Structure formats: C-alpha cells, structure tokens
Amino acid sequence: MVHDTSLRPVERRVLRMSEQGLDDAEIGRRFRHSADWTARVRSLSEVPRPNGHHLRGDVLRPIERRVLRWRAAGADYDELAPRFRRSPDFLRQVEALAQYRLRGPDS
C-alpha cells in the first residue's frame, strides 16, 4: 500500500491502482489520460523531492519578495503597478502584508 506523504494525491492513487493490478491503459482511462501518462506519473513519483512547502525557507510569496525588493530600491507604487499588472493600492497591501509576515507572530 502507498503511504508516502511526499507524493501528490494523483500519484498515490495511480500507484495504488497499479498495485491492485490494473494496467496503465485502464488507469489512464479512469483519469481520462493515456497509458503513457500513467507510466510517466509512476516513473516521476519515484523522483526524490525536497520535503516541505517552503523550498527556500521563505515565509514570503514571490510577489511579496519582488515588491519589497523594488520598494527598497526606491520604486514608487505608481511605477510598479504596470509592471505587476496590479493597482498601486494592491501593491501597498502586498507590501504591508509582507512586512507583517516578516515581523513574525511575536511582534
């Protein structure tokens, strides 16, 4: 039985069905994919992945890191809005949330 929590749900289901003796074509049909897709899912499920959600250990999302970097370089919200395709008010909120998240729960 497949118990590896580092696998994605679809990978666990494909492996479980494979262990139950279903062939790739039947598994692919159940997922509305091809037998080749099933074989790829099985082979890629064996590739080691780092555990955890934060690969770099960051608490910030990419947009938050980028907004903080641009703001530290002196960019104005009106200048950044077209670059991020967001309004200046939205970017103010992103920056405020990023600073809050960086302070941590103790602040």
N, C-alpha and C. Protein backbone atom coordinates (compact mmCIF):
# COMPACT_ATOMS: atom_id res chain seq x y z
N MET A 1 0.84 -1.19 0.00
CA MET A 1 0.00 0.00 0.00
C MET A 1 0.88 1.25 0.00
N VAL A 2 0.47 2.28 -0.69
CA VAL A 2 1.24 3.52 -0.83
C VAL A 2 0.92 4.43 0.36
N HIS A 3 1.95 4.77 1.16
CA HIS A 3 1.76 5.63 2.32
C HIS A 3 2.65 6.85 2.29
N ASP A 4 3.38 7.07 1.23
CA ASP A 4 4.34 8.17 1.16
C ASP A 4 3.60 9.50 1.09
N THR A 5 3.73 10.31 2.13
CA THR A 5 3.02 11.59 2.17
C THR A 5 3.67 12.65 1.30
N SER A 6 4.89 12.40 0.80
CA SER A 6 5.51 13.38 -0.08
C SER A 6 4.94 13.31 -1.50
N LEU A 7 4.17 12.26 -1.78
CA LEU A 7 3.56 12.12 -3.10
C LEU A 7 2.29 12.96 -3.19
N ARG A 8 1.99 13.39 -4.38
CA ARG A 8 0.75 14.12 -4.62
C ARG A 8 -0.40 13.12 -4.63
N PRO A 9 -1.62 13.59 -4.35
CA PRO A 9 -2.77 12.67 -4.31
C PRO A 9 -2.93 11.84 -5.59
N VAL A 10 -2.75 12.46 -6.75
CA VAL A 10 -2.91 11.71 -8.00
C VAL A 10 -1.85 10.62 -8.12
N GLU A 11 -0.64 10.92 -7.65
CA GLU A 11 0.42 9.92 -7.70
C GLU A 11 0.10 8.75 -6.79
N ARG A 12 -0.42 9.04 -5.59
CA ARG A 12 -0.79 7.96 -4.67
C ARG A 12 -1.89 7.10 -5.26
N ARG A 13 -2.87 7.72 -5.89
CA ARG A 13 -3.97 6.95 -6.48
C ARG A 13 -3.49 6.08 -7.64
N VAL A 14 -2.63 6.63 -8.50
CA VAL A 14 -2.11 5.86 -9.63
C VAL A 14 -1.31 4.67 -9.11
N LEU A 15 -0.45 4.89 -8.12
CA LEU A 15 0.36 3.80 -7.58
C LEU A 15 -0.52 2.74 -6.90
N ARG A 16 -1.55 3.19 -6.19
CA ARG A 16 -2.45 2.24 -5.54
C ARG A 16 -3.16 1.37 -6.57
N MET A 17 -3.65 2.00 -7.64
CA MET A 17 -4.33 1.24 -8.69
C MET A 17 -3.37 0.27 -9.36
N SER A 18 -2.14 0.71 -9.56
CA SER A 18 -1.14 -0.15 -10.17
C SER A 18 -0.85 -1.36 -9.27
N GLU A 19 -0.76 -1.12 -7.96
CA GLU A 19 -0.53 -2.21 -7.01
C GLU A 19 -1.71 -3.19 -6.97
N GLN A 20 -2.91 -2.68 -7.28
CA GLN A 20 -4.09 -3.54 -7.30
C GLN A 20 -4.16 -4.38 -8.57
N GLY A 21 -3.22 -4.16 -9.48
CA GLY A 21 -3.14 -4.98 -10.67
C GLY A 21 -3.76 -4.40 -11.92
N LEU A 22 -4.20 -3.14 -11.87
CA LEU A 22 -4.76 -2.51 -13.06
C LEU A 22 -3.63 -2.15 -14.02
N ASP A 23 -3.88 -2.29 -15.31
CA ASP A 23 -2.85 -1.93 -16.28
C ASP A 23 -2.90 -0.44 -16.57
N ASP A 24 -1.85 0.07 -17.23
CA ASP A 24 -1.72 1.50 -17.48
C ASP A 24 -2.88 2.05 -18.30
N ALA A 25 -3.37 1.28 -19.26
CA ALA A 25 -4.47 1.76 -20.10
C ALA A 25 -5.73 1.97 -19.27
N GLU A 26 -6.03 1.06 -18.36
CA GLU A 26 -7.23 1.19 -17.52
C GLU A 26 -7.09 2.35 -16.54
N ILE A 27 -5.92 2.49 -15.95
CA ILE A 27 -5.70 3.62 -15.03
C ILE A 27 -5.82 4.93 -15.79
N GLY A 28 -5.22 5.00 -16.96
CA GLY A 28 -5.31 6.20 -17.78
C GLY A 28 -6.74 6.52 -18.16
N ARG A 29 -7.52 5.50 -18.48
CA ARG A 29 -8.92 5.71 -18.84
C ARG A 29 -9.69 6.31 -17.66
N ARG A 30 -9.43 5.83 -16.47
CA ARG A 30 -10.13 6.34 -15.28
C ARG A 30 -9.79 7.80 -14.99
N PHE A 31 -8.60 8.22 -15.38
CA PHE A 31 -8.20 9.61 -15.20
C PHE A 31 -8.40 10.45 -16.47
N ARG A 32 -8.92 9.80 -17.50
CA ARG A 32 -9.11 10.45 -18.81
C ARG A 32 -7.79 10.92 -19.41
N HIS A 33 -6.80 10.04 -19.29
CA HIS A 33 -5.48 10.26 -19.86
C HIS A 33 -5.05 8.99 -20.58
N SER A 34 -3.88 9.05 -21.19
CA SER A 34 -3.37 7.90 -21.93
C SER A 34 -2.59 6.96 -21.01
N ALA A 35 -2.28 5.79 -21.56
CA ALA A 35 -1.44 4.84 -20.82
C ALA A 35 -0.04 5.41 -20.63
N ASP A 36 0.43 6.20 -21.60
CA ASP A 36 1.75 6.85 -21.46
C ASP A 36 1.77 7.81 -20.27
N TRP A 37 0.67 8.53 -20.08
CA TRP A 37 0.56 9.46 -18.95
C TRP A 37 0.71 8.69 -17.64
N THR A 38 0.02 7.56 -17.56
CA THR A 38 0.09 6.73 -16.35
C THR A 38 1.52 6.28 -16.08
N ALA A 39 2.21 5.85 -17.13
CA ALA A 39 3.60 5.41 -16.97
C ALA A 39 4.49 6.57 -16.52
N ARG A 40 4.24 7.77 -17.05
CA ARG A 40 5.03 8.94 -16.64
C ARG A 40 4.78 9.28 -15.17
N VAL A 41 3.51 9.23 -14.76
CA VAL A 41 3.19 9.53 -13.36
C VAL A 41 3.89 8.54 -12.44
N ARG A 42 3.84 7.27 -12.79
CA ARG A 42 4.50 6.25 -11.96
C ARG A 42 6.01 6.49 -11.90
N SER A 43 6.63 6.78 -13.04
CA SER A 43 8.09 6.97 -13.04
C SER A 43 8.49 8.26 -12.33
N LEU A 44 7.72 9.33 -12.51
CA LEU A 44 8.06 10.59 -11.86
C LEU A 44 7.79 10.56 -10.36
N SER A 45 6.91 9.66 -9.91
CA SER A 45 6.65 9.56 -8.48
C SER A 45 7.86 8.99 -7.74
N GLU A 46 8.77 8.38 -8.47
CA GLU A 46 9.99 7.82 -7.87
C GLU A 46 11.12 8.84 -7.77
N VAL A 47 10.97 9.98 -8.41
CA VAL A 47 12.00 11.02 -8.37
C VAL A 47 11.97 11.69 -6.99
N PRO A 48 13.10 11.76 -6.31
CA PRO A 48 13.12 12.38 -4.97
C PRO A 48 12.81 13.88 -5.05
N ARG A 49 12.03 14.34 -4.08
CA ARG A 49 11.66 15.76 -3.98
C ARG A 49 12.00 16.24 -2.58
N PRO A 50 12.33 17.51 -2.44
CA PRO A 50 12.57 18.04 -1.10
C PRO A 50 11.25 18.08 -0.32
N ASN A 51 11.33 17.80 0.96
CA ASN A 51 10.13 17.85 1.79
C ASN A 51 9.83 19.28 2.20
N GLY A 52 8.59 19.56 2.45
CA GLY A 52 8.19 20.88 2.91
C GLY A 52 7.69 21.75 1.79
N HIS A 53 6.95 22.77 2.19
CA HIS A 53 6.34 23.67 1.21
C HIS A 53 7.25 24.84 0.87
N HIS A 54 8.06 25.27 1.82
CA HIS A 54 8.93 26.41 1.58
C HIS A 54 10.30 25.89 1.15
N LEU A 55 10.51 25.90 -0.14
CA LEU A 55 11.76 25.35 -0.65
C LEU A 55 12.96 26.17 -0.21
N ARG A 56 12.80 27.47 -0.12
CA ARG A 56 13.93 28.33 0.26
C ARG A 56 13.85 28.74 1.72
N GLY A 57 12.84 28.28 2.42
CA GLY A 57 12.68 28.67 3.80
C GLY A 57 12.04 30.04 3.96
N ASP A 58 11.59 30.63 2.88
CA ASP A 58 10.97 31.95 2.93
C ASP A 58 9.54 31.86 3.46
N VAL A 59 9.15 32.89 4.17
CA VAL A 59 7.76 32.99 4.58
C VAL A 59 6.98 33.87 3.60
N LEU A 60 7.70 34.49 2.67
CA LEU A 60 7.07 35.41 1.72
C LEU A 60 6.80 34.73 0.39
N ARG A 61 5.74 35.20 -0.25
CA ARG A 61 5.44 34.74 -1.61
C ARG A 61 6.35 35.50 -2.58
N PRO A 62 6.50 34.98 -3.79
CA PRO A 62 7.37 35.66 -4.76
C PRO A 62 6.99 37.12 -5.01
N ILE A 63 5.69 37.41 -5.12
CA ILE A 63 5.28 38.80 -5.38
C ILE A 63 5.67 39.69 -4.20
N GLU A 64 5.57 39.17 -2.98
CA GLU A 64 5.94 39.96 -1.82
C GLU A 64 7.44 40.25 -1.81
N ARG A 65 8.25 39.25 -2.13
CA ARG A 65 9.70 39.47 -2.20
C ARG A 65 10.05 40.50 -3.26
N ARG A 66 9.40 40.40 -4.41
CA ARG A 66 9.72 41.32 -5.51
C ARG A 66 9.29 42.74 -5.18
N VAL A 67 8.09 42.91 -4.59
CA VAL A 67 7.63 44.25 -4.24
C VAL A 67 8.57 44.86 -3.21
N LEU A 68 8.95 44.10 -2.20
CA LEU A 68 9.87 44.63 -1.19
C LEU A 68 11.21 45.02 -1.80
N ARG A 69 11.70 44.20 -2.73
CA ARG A 69 12.99 44.50 -3.38
C ARG A 69 12.90 45.79 -4.19
N TRP A 70 11.82 45.94 -4.96
CA TRP A 70 11.65 47.15 -5.78
C TRP A 70 11.47 48.38 -4.88
N ARG A 71 10.70 48.24 -3.82
CA ARG A 71 10.47 49.38 -2.93
C ARG A 71 11.77 49.78 -2.23
N ALA A 72 12.58 48.80 -1.85
CA ALA A 72 13.87 49.10 -1.22
C ALA A 72 14.80 49.82 -2.19
N ALA A 73 14.61 49.57 -3.48
CA ALA A 73 15.42 50.24 -4.49
C ALA A 73 14.88 51.63 -4.82
N GLY A 74 13.75 52.00 -4.20
CA GLY A 74 13.22 53.35 -4.38
C GLY A 74 12.09 53.49 -5.37
N ALA A 75 11.57 52.39 -5.87
CA ALA A 75 10.48 52.46 -6.85
C ALA A 75 9.18 52.88 -6.17
N ASP A 76 8.40 53.68 -6.88
CA ASP A 76 7.11 54.16 -6.40
C ASP A 76 6.01 53.17 -6.78
N TYR A 77 4.91 53.19 -6.02
CA TYR A 77 3.78 52.29 -6.32
C TYR A 77 3.23 52.51 -7.72
N ASP A 78 3.13 53.79 -8.13
CA ASP A 78 2.61 54.09 -9.46
C ASP A 78 3.54 53.56 -10.56
N GLU A 79 4.81 53.52 -10.28
CA GLU A 79 5.79 52.98 -11.23
C GLU A 79 5.71 51.45 -11.30
N LEU A 80 5.42 50.82 -10.17
CA LEU A 80 5.38 49.35 -10.11
C LEU A 80 4.07 48.76 -10.62
N ALA A 81 2.99 49.53 -10.54
CA ALA A 81 1.66 49.00 -10.88
C ALA A 81 1.61 48.38 -12.28
N PRO A 82 2.09 49.05 -13.32
CA PRO A 82 2.04 48.41 -14.64
C PRO A 82 2.95 47.17 -14.74
N ARG A 83 4.05 47.19 -14.04
CA ARG A 83 4.98 46.06 -14.08
C ARG A 83 4.32 44.80 -13.52
N PHE A 84 3.53 44.94 -12.45
CA PHE A 84 2.87 43.80 -11.82
C PHE A 84 1.43 43.61 -12.30
N ARG A 85 0.98 44.53 -13.14
CA ARG A 85 -0.40 44.50 -13.63
C ARG A 85 -1.40 44.50 -12.48
N ARG A 86 -1.11 45.31 -11.49
CA ARG A 86 -1.95 45.47 -10.31
C ARG A 86 -2.05 46.96 -10.00
N SER A 87 -3.03 47.32 -9.20
CA SER A 87 -3.20 48.72 -8.83
C SER A 87 -2.17 49.11 -7.77
N PRO A 88 -1.89 50.41 -7.67
CA PRO A 88 -0.97 50.86 -6.62
C PRO A 88 -1.48 50.50 -5.22
N ASP A 89 -2.80 50.57 -5.01
CA ASP A 89 -3.35 50.21 -3.70
C ASP A 89 -3.10 48.74 -3.37
N PHE A 90 -3.23 47.88 -4.37
CA PHE A 90 -2.96 46.46 -4.16
C PHE A 90 -1.51 46.25 -3.75
N LEU A 91 -0.59 46.95 -4.41
CA LEU A 91 0.83 46.80 -4.09
C LEU A 91 1.14 47.32 -2.69
N ARG A 92 0.42 48.36 -2.24
CA ARG A 92 0.57 48.83 -0.86
C ARG A 92 0.17 47.73 0.12
N GLN A 93 -0.94 47.05 -0.19
CA GLN A 93 -1.40 45.95 0.66
C GLN A 93 -0.40 44.81 0.67
N VAL A 94 0.15 44.48 -0.49
CA VAL A 94 1.15 43.41 -0.57
C VAL A 94 2.36 43.75 0.28
N GLU A 95 2.82 44.99 0.18
CA GLU A 95 3.98 45.40 0.97
C GLU A 95 3.67 45.36 2.46
N ALA A 96 2.50 45.84 2.85
CA ALA A 96 2.13 45.83 4.27
C ALA A 96 2.04 44.40 4.80
N LEU A 97 1.45 43.51 4.03
CA LEU A 97 1.35 42.11 4.45
C LEU A 97 2.73 41.47 4.55
N ALA A 98 3.59 41.77 3.60
CA ALA A 98 4.95 41.20 3.62
C ALA A 98 5.70 41.66 4.86
N GLN A 99 5.58 42.93 5.19
CA GLN A 99 6.26 43.44 6.38
C GLN A 99 5.69 42.81 7.65
N TYR A 100 4.38 42.61 7.68
CA TYR A 100 3.74 41.95 8.81
C TYR A 100 4.24 40.51 8.95
N ARG A 101 4.31 39.81 7.83
CA ARG A 101 4.75 38.42 7.87
C ARG A 101 6.22 38.30 8.28
N LEU A 102 7.03 39.27 7.91
CA LEU A 102 8.44 39.25 8.29
C LEU A 102 8.63 39.52 9.78
N ARG A 103 7.74 40.31 10.37
CA ARG A 103 7.84 40.59 11.80
C ARG A 103 7.61 39.33 12.63
N GLY A 104 6.78 38.43 12.14
CA GLY A 104 6.53 37.17 12.84
C GLY A 104 5.43 37.28 13.87
N PRO A 105 5.10 36.16 14.50
CA PRO A 105 3.97 36.12 15.44
C PRO A 105 4.26 36.81 16.77
N ASP A 106 5.52 37.04 17.10
CA ASP A 106 5.87 37.62 18.39
C ASP A 106 5.69 39.13 18.43
N SER A 107 5.58 39.78 17.29
CA SER A 107 5.52 41.24 17.24
C SER A 107 4.14 41.76 17.47
